[in-house]
């Protein structure tokens, strides 16, 4: 059996952790009982032979052994609880403790026959049987939320509001594919300490809405240069490099890519596939000039190109909303 130790959804890993947790629980129950019985027997024997030092030593050893056996599971559980989600194994250990059932304890349904209806608005992740439930508030959650609310998934396919009137960038539309995205934009539109520009169909604003909702509510969204200036000066964002010099393998889901004319989020095809199996897309982007709402598009593998500055969130999450309810 090959275990995927990087994923809590691996059924083999989940099964083994559940067995270990069950053993630890049994030990925590049985050890005190054995100790009490052992001490009772020793005490009874001492009543008839109080000078037998061997009985006294046996009693002490039995008590020490039971206490140690009892404390080991408790200390392991405490250690895993303190480590929390900083390490894969501790995260999986804690989730195995709270889960039930067959050992595959991250809620995940791979039945492609239950894909979401692209014409339906999903405001609750329970509405979609093919959902993937993941923790929000980390860099990877940027990519998950972006893919979850993107209106289109076919590369170069766009939802537009192109009537020639610039004001339409800021006007809500009734297309059900972008209702959830527009709701998120409304919720985080004014959390940036004045660096706000809630245009629904514009690249920086579409990216910033996702970032604000998941990890950084103060992320600047006025323009591409505004977003770059924020990431450059914020200790929460790390500069990774220029896209011309990077390969797709060096990027991580949730990386924000920008230059003076455009901002987008690298989501990776792997994450995009979880929300729309069959897509070839790997970035989340919208367009101001094309009046396009956010969708999943495709950039080439190998060298990314485009002279984008790439930044990665490395700070303490400070989301503007509870974005988990928007995952679908």
Protein backbone atom coordinates (compact mmCIF):
# COMPACT_ATOMS: atom_id res chain seq x y z
CA UNK A 1 0.00 0.00 0.00
CA UNK A 2 1.37 3.42 -0.97
CA UNK A 3 0.23 6.20 1.35
CA UNK A 4 -0.10 9.81 0.25
CA UNK A 5 1.26 11.54 3.36
CA UNK A 6 0.68 14.95 1.78
CA UNK A 7 -3.08 14.49 1.63
CA UNK A 8 -5.47 13.71 4.48
CA UNK A 9 -7.90 12.35 1.96
CA UNK A 10 -5.69 9.31 1.37
CA UNK A 11 -7.88 6.40 2.57
CA UNK A 12 -4.89 4.28 3.65
CA UNK A 13 -3.49 7.03 5.84
CA UNK A 14 -6.92 7.74 7.28
CA UNK A 15 -7.44 4.04 8.11
CA UNK A 16 -4.08 3.72 9.89
CA UNK A 17 -4.57 6.91 11.89
CA UNK A 18 -8.03 5.79 12.95
CA UNK A 19 -6.60 2.47 14.21
CA UNK A 20 -3.90 4.29 16.17
CA UNK A 21 -6.44 6.65 17.70
CA UNK A 22 -8.64 3.71 18.66
CA UNK A 23 -5.69 1.95 20.32
CA UNK A 24 -4.79 5.11 22.23
CA UNK A 25 -8.38 5.52 23.40
CA UNK A 26 -8.46 1.89 24.63
CA UNK A 27 -5.17 2.41 26.49
CA UNK A 28 -6.48 5.55 28.17
CA UNK A 29 -9.48 3.56 29.45
CA UNK A 30 -7.78 0.28 30.36
CA UNK A 31 -4.56 1.63 31.94
CA UNK A 32 -6.29 3.15 35.01
CA UNK A 33 -8.36 -0.01 35.47
CA UNK A 34 -5.28 -2.22 35.35
CA UNK A 35 -3.51 0.10 37.79
CA UNK A 36 -6.38 -0.05 40.28
CA UNK A 37 -6.61 -3.84 40.07
CA UNK A 38 -2.83 -4.24 40.38
CA UNK A 39 -2.66 -1.95 43.41
CA UNK A 40 -5.62 -3.70 45.02
CA UNK A 41 -3.95 -7.11 44.64
CA UNK A 42 -0.65 -5.78 45.98
CA UNK A 43 -2.37 -4.08 48.91
CA UNK A 44 -4.25 -7.29 49.77
CA UNK A 45 -1.01 -9.29 49.76
CA UNK A 46 0.70 -6.68 51.92
CA UNK A 47 -2.00 -7.07 54.54
CA UNK A 48 -0.96 -10.67 55.03
CA UNK A 49 2.78 -10.06 54.59
CA UNK A 50 3.62 -6.41 55.33
CA UNK A 51 7.38 -6.97 55.39
CA UNK A 52 7.65 -8.30 51.85
CA UNK A 53 9.74 -5.63 50.08
CA UNK A 54 9.35 -7.41 46.75
CA UNK A 55 5.61 -6.77 46.84
CA UNK A 56 6.20 -3.11 47.59
CA UNK A 57 8.63 -2.75 44.66
CA UNK A 58 6.27 -4.62 42.34
CA UNK A 59 3.46 -2.29 43.33
CA UNK A 60 5.60 0.80 42.65
CA UNK A 61 6.76 -0.52 39.28
CA UNK A 62 3.22 -1.41 38.25
CA UNK A 63 1.98 2.05 39.21
CA UNK A 64 4.80 3.81 37.30
CA UNK A 65 4.28 1.64 34.21
CA UNK A 66 0.53 2.27 34.11
CA UNK A 67 0.98 5.99 34.57
CA UNK A 68 3.53 6.15 31.74
CA UNK A 69 1.33 4.07 29.43
CA UNK A 70 -1.61 6.33 30.23
CA UNK A 71 0.35 9.54 29.67
CA UNK A 72 1.90 8.60 26.31
CA UNK A 73 -1.38 8.83 24.31
CA UNK A 74 -2.36 12.00 26.16
CA UNK A 75 1.00 13.65 25.38
CA UNK A 76 0.85 12.60 21.73
CA UNK A 77 -2.67 14.01 21.38
CA UNK A 78 -1.62 17.23 23.11
CA UNK A 79 1.41 17.60 20.84
CA UNK A 80 -0.66 17.05 17.69
CA UNK A 81 -3.25 19.53 18.93
CA UNK A 82 -0.57 22.20 19.49
CA UNK A 83 0.99 21.60 16.06
CA UNK A 84 -2.47 21.91 14.49
CA UNK A 85 -2.37 22.45 10.71
CA UNK A 86 1.30 23.46 10.53
CA UNK A 87 2.26 19.92 9.54
CA UNK A 88 0.38 17.48 7.35
CA UNK A 89 0.63 14.57 9.77
CA UNK A 90 -0.63 16.54 12.79
CA UNK A 91 -3.49 17.98 10.71
CA UNK A 92 -4.48 14.52 9.55
CA UNK A 93 -4.13 13.12 13.09
CA UNK A 94 -6.50 15.73 14.50
CA UNK A 95 -9.00 15.23 11.69
CA UNK A 96 -8.92 11.46 12.20
CA UNK A 97 -9.88 12.08 15.81
CA UNK A 98 -12.97 14.08 14.90
CA UNK A 99 -14.05 12.08 11.86
CA UNK A 100 -16.19 9.02 11.52
CA UNK A 101 -16.84 6.34 8.96
CA UNK A 102 -14.62 4.67 6.45
CA UNK A 103 -11.24 6.38 6.88
CA UNK A 104 -11.52 8.85 4.01
CA UNK A 105 -12.17 11.73 6.34
CA UNK A 106 -11.79 14.80 4.14
CA UNK A 107 -15.15 15.29 2.52
CA UNK A 108 -14.52 14.65 -1.14
CA UNK A 109 -16.70 13.25 -3.88
CA UNK A 110 -14.97 12.27 -7.11
CA UNK A 111 -18.13 11.23 -8.95
CA UNK A 112 -17.92 13.20 -12.19
CA UNK A 113 -21.59 12.54 -12.81
CA UNK A 114 -22.34 15.00 -10.03
CA UNK A 115 -20.63 18.08 -11.40
CA UNK A 116 -22.17 21.41 -10.55
CA UNK A 117 -24.67 22.95 -12.92
CA UNK A 118 -22.88 26.00 -14.44
CA UNK A 119 -26.19 27.84 -14.73
CA UNK A 120 -27.10 27.49 -11.05
CA UNK A 121 -25.99 29.80 -8.24
CA UNK A 122 -24.48 27.86 -5.34
CA UNK A 123 -24.39 29.92 -2.17
CA UNK A 124 -23.87 26.93 0.12
CA UNK A 125 -21.21 24.32 -0.51
CA UNK A 126 -23.67 21.64 0.65
CA UNK A 127 -25.68 22.27 -2.52
CA UNK A 128 -22.98 20.65 -4.65
CA UNK A 129 -22.38 16.93 -4.21
CA UNK A 130 -19.03 17.14 -5.99
CA UNK A 131 -17.71 19.68 -3.50
CA UNK A 132 -14.25 19.76 -2.00
CA UNK A 133 -14.20 21.00 1.59
CA UNK A 134 -10.92 22.69 2.44
CA UNK A 135 -9.71 24.99 5.22
CA UNK A 136 -9.92 28.68 4.40
CA UNK A 137 -7.46 31.30 5.55
CA UNK A 138 -4.26 30.13 3.84
CA UNK A 139 -2.54 30.82 0.53
CA UNK A 140 -4.02 27.78 -1.20
CA UNK A 141 -7.53 28.90 -0.25
CA UNK A 142 -7.06 31.86 -2.63
CA UNK A 143 -6.97 29.44 -5.55
CA UNK A 144 -9.85 27.33 -4.24
CA UNK A 145 -12.19 30.28 -3.84
CA UNK A 146 -11.13 31.74 -7.19
CA UNK A 147 -11.93 28.49 -9.00
CA UNK A 148 -15.13 28.05 -7.03
CA UNK A 149 -16.63 31.40 -8.07
CA UNK A 150 -15.12 31.84 -11.54
CA UNK A 151 -17.89 32.31 -14.06
CA UNK A 152 -16.29 30.39 -16.95
CA UNK A 153 -13.74 27.59 -17.21
CA UNK A 154 -13.05 27.17 -20.92
CA UNK A 155 -9.90 29.13 -21.80
CA UNK A 156 -10.71 32.44 -23.50
CA UNK A 157 -14.44 32.00 -22.80
CA UNK A 158 -15.75 35.20 -21.24
CA UNK A 159 -18.80 36.63 -19.53
CA UNK A 160 -18.92 40.27 -20.54
CA UNK A 161 -20.92 43.41 -19.96
CA UNK A 162 -19.49 45.20 -22.96
CA UNK A 163 -21.91 47.94 -23.98
CA UNK A 164 -19.28 50.61 -24.53
CA UNK A 165 -20.18 52.44 -21.33
CA UNK A 166 -17.26 52.48 -18.85
CA UNK A 167 -19.68 52.77 -15.93
CA UNK A 168 -20.77 49.20 -16.63
CA UNK A 169 -17.64 47.94 -14.95
CA UNK A 170 -19.33 48.74 -11.65
CA UNK A 171 -22.87 47.53 -12.45
CA UNK A 172 -24.11 44.14 -11.24
CA UNK A 173 -25.50 41.78 -13.87
CA UNK A 174 -28.02 38.99 -13.42
CA UNK A 175 -26.00 36.18 -15.02
CA UNK A 176 -26.23 33.34 -12.44
CA UNK A 177 -22.65 32.26 -13.12
CA UNK A 178 -21.21 35.39 -11.47
CA UNK A 179 -23.74 36.06 -8.71
CA UNK A 180 -21.57 34.51 -5.98
CA UNK A 181 -18.50 36.43 -7.17
CA UNK A 182 -20.47 39.69 -7.15
CA UNK A 183 -21.68 38.92 -3.62
CA UNK A 184 -18.08 38.47 -2.48
CA UNK A 185 -17.06 41.73 -4.14
CA UNK A 186 -19.86 43.54 -2.33
CA UNK A 187 -18.82 42.01 1.00
CA UNK A 188 -15.15 43.09 0.77
CA UNK A 189 -15.49 46.22 -1.37
CA UNK A 190 -14.53 48.64 1.41
CA UNK A 191 -12.03 46.81 3.65
CA UNK A 192 -8.88 48.26 2.05
CA UNK A 193 -8.45 51.48 4.03
CA UNK A 194 -9.33 53.66 1.06
CA UNK A 195 -7.62 51.54 -1.60
CA UNK A 196 -10.98 50.37 -2.92
CA UNK A 197 -12.42 50.17 -6.42
CA UNK A 198 -15.17 47.53 -6.58
CA UNK A 199 -15.36 47.14 -10.35
CA UNK A 200 -16.92 43.76 -11.08
CA UNK A 201 -15.32 43.25 -14.51
CA UNK A 202 -11.72 44.32 -14.07
CA UNK A 203 -8.58 42.29 -13.46
CA UNK A 204 -7.13 43.78 -10.27
CA UNK A 205 -10.50 44.12 -8.61
CA UNK A 206 -11.47 40.52 -9.40
CA UNK A 207 -8.19 39.21 -7.97
CA UNK A 208 -8.27 41.53 -4.96
CA UNK A 209 -11.81 40.47 -4.02
CA UNK A 210 -10.65 36.86 -3.71
CA UNK A 211 -7.52 37.78 -1.77
CA UNK A 212 -9.45 40.02 0.61
CA UNK A 213 -12.05 37.34 1.22
CA UNK A 214 -9.53 34.60 2.03
CA UNK A 215 -6.31 35.95 3.56
CA UNK A 216 -5.81 39.72 3.44
CA UNK A 217 -8.75 42.08 3.82
CA UNK A 218 -6.55 45.18 3.33
CA UNK A 219 -5.24 44.15 -0.10
CA UNK A 220 -5.22 47.20 -2.40
CA UNK A 221 -7.45 47.07 -5.48
CA UNK A 222 -7.46 50.44 -7.20
CA UNK A 223 -5.23 49.37 -10.12
CA UNK A 224 -2.54 46.83 -11.06
CA UNK A 225 0.17 49.23 -9.84
CA UNK A 226 -1.75 49.72 -6.60
CA UNK A 227 -1.82 45.96 -5.96
CA UNK A 228 1.89 45.62 -6.78
CA UNK A 229 2.78 48.48 -4.43
CA UNK A 230 0.85 46.83 -1.62
CA UNK A 231 2.50 43.43 -2.04
CA UNK A 232 5.93 45.03 -2.32
CA UNK A 233 5.61 46.87 1.00
CA UNK A 234 3.58 44.30 2.96
CA UNK A 235 5.45 41.78 5.17
CA UNK A 236 2.62 39.33 4.43
CA UNK A 237 3.65 38.96 0.79
CA UNK A 238 6.88 37.46 -0.52
CA UNK A 239 8.31 38.28 -3.94
CA UNK A 240 8.95 35.00 -5.79
CA UNK A 241 10.39 36.26 -9.07
CA UNK A 242 9.60 37.44 -12.60
CA UNK A 243 7.38 35.10 -14.58
CA UNK A 244 9.74 35.14 -17.58
CA UNK A 245 12.26 33.34 -15.37
CA UNK A 246 9.84 30.95 -13.67
CA UNK A 247 8.27 27.67 -14.70
CA UNK A 248 4.80 26.51 -13.76
CA UNK A 249 6.39 24.02 -11.35
CA UNK A 250 7.85 26.90 -9.34
CA UNK A 251 4.46 28.51 -8.79
CA UNK A 252 1.95 27.60 -6.09
CA UNK A 253 -1.84 27.85 -6.17
CA UNK A 254 -2.78 31.26 -4.83
CA UNK A 255 0.27 33.14 -6.14
CA UNK A 256 -0.69 36.61 -7.36
CA UNK A 257 0.87 37.69 -10.66
CA UNK A 258 0.92 41.29 -11.83
CA UNK A 259 2.50 44.00 -13.96
CA UNK A 260 1.45 47.56 -14.69
CA UNK A 261 -1.30 46.42 -17.07
CA UNK A 262 -2.77 43.27 -15.56
CA UNK A 263 -3.32 41.26 -12.36
CA UNK A 264 -4.27 37.59 -12.12
CA UNK A 265 -4.09 34.61 -9.75
CA UNK A 266 -2.23 31.40 -10.51
CA UNK A 267 -4.60 28.57 -9.51
CA UNK A 268 -2.90 25.62 -11.29
CA UNK A 269 -4.74 23.19 -13.48
CA UNK A 270 -4.85 20.67 -10.63
CA UNK A 271 -6.99 22.96 -8.47
CA UNK A 272 -9.09 24.10 -11.43
CA UNK A 273 -9.85 20.47 -12.27
CA UNK A 274 -11.39 19.94 -8.82
CA UNK A 275 -14.06 22.49 -9.62
CA UNK A 276 -14.45 21.88 -13.34
CA UNK A 277 -13.08 18.51 -14.50
CA UNK A 278 -11.79 18.70 -18.05
CA UNK A 279 -10.71 22.35 -18.04
CA UNK A 280 -7.21 23.16 -19.30
CA UNK A 281 -7.11 26.47 -17.42
CA UNK A 282 -4.58 27.41 -14.75
CA UNK A 283 -5.14 31.12 -13.99
CA UNK A 284 -8.04 33.19 -12.65
CA UNK A 285 -8.46 36.55 -14.35
CA UNK A 286 -10.88 39.22 -15.52
CA UNK A 287 -10.43 42.07 -17.99
CA UNK A 288 -11.15 45.79 -17.77
CA UNK A 289 -10.77 46.57 -21.47
CA UNK A 290 -12.90 43.59 -22.47
CA UNK A 291 -15.48 44.21 -19.72
CA UNK A 292 -15.06 40.55 -18.77
CA UNK A 293 -15.97 38.95 -15.46
CA UNK A 294 -13.51 36.51 -13.88
CA UNK A 295 -12.98 33.11 -15.43
CA UNK A 296 -10.38 30.35 -15.53
CA UNK A 297 -8.02 30.81 -18.47
CA UNK A 298 -4.87 29.02 -19.57
CA UNK A 299 -1.27 30.19 -19.63
CA UNK A 300 1.45 27.98 -21.17
CA UNK A 301 3.41 25.47 -19.12
CA UNK A 302 7.17 25.77 -19.05
CA UNK A 303 8.19 29.43 -18.88
CA UNK A 304 5.12 31.43 -17.90
CA UNK A 305 6.22 34.56 -19.76
CA UNK A 306 4.45 37.89 -19.64
CA UNK A 307 6.94 39.68 -17.39
CA UNK A 308 4.64 39.34 -14.36
CA UNK A 309 5.92 39.97 -10.86
CA UNK A 310 4.88 36.97 -8.77
CA UNK A 311 4.04 37.28 -5.07
CA UNK A 312 3.04 34.67 -2.50
CA UNK A 313 1.07 35.18 0.72
CA UNK A 314 3.23 34.13 3.69
CA UNK A 315 1.69 36.09 6.55
CA UNK A 316 -0.95 35.54 9.19
CA UNK A 317 -4.38 35.32 7.53
CA UNK A 318 -6.68 38.27 8.10
CA UNK A 319 -9.70 37.58 5.86
CA UNK A 320 -12.44 40.10 5.35
CA UNK A 321 -15.26 37.54 5.46
CA UNK A 322 -15.94 33.88 6.16
CA UNK A 323 -15.20 32.79 2.60
CA UNK A 324 -15.72 29.09 3.28
CA UNK A 325 -19.47 29.47 2.78
CA UNK A 326 -18.84 30.49 -0.83
CA UNK A 327 -16.96 27.31 -1.76
CA UNK A 328 -19.09 25.14 -4.01
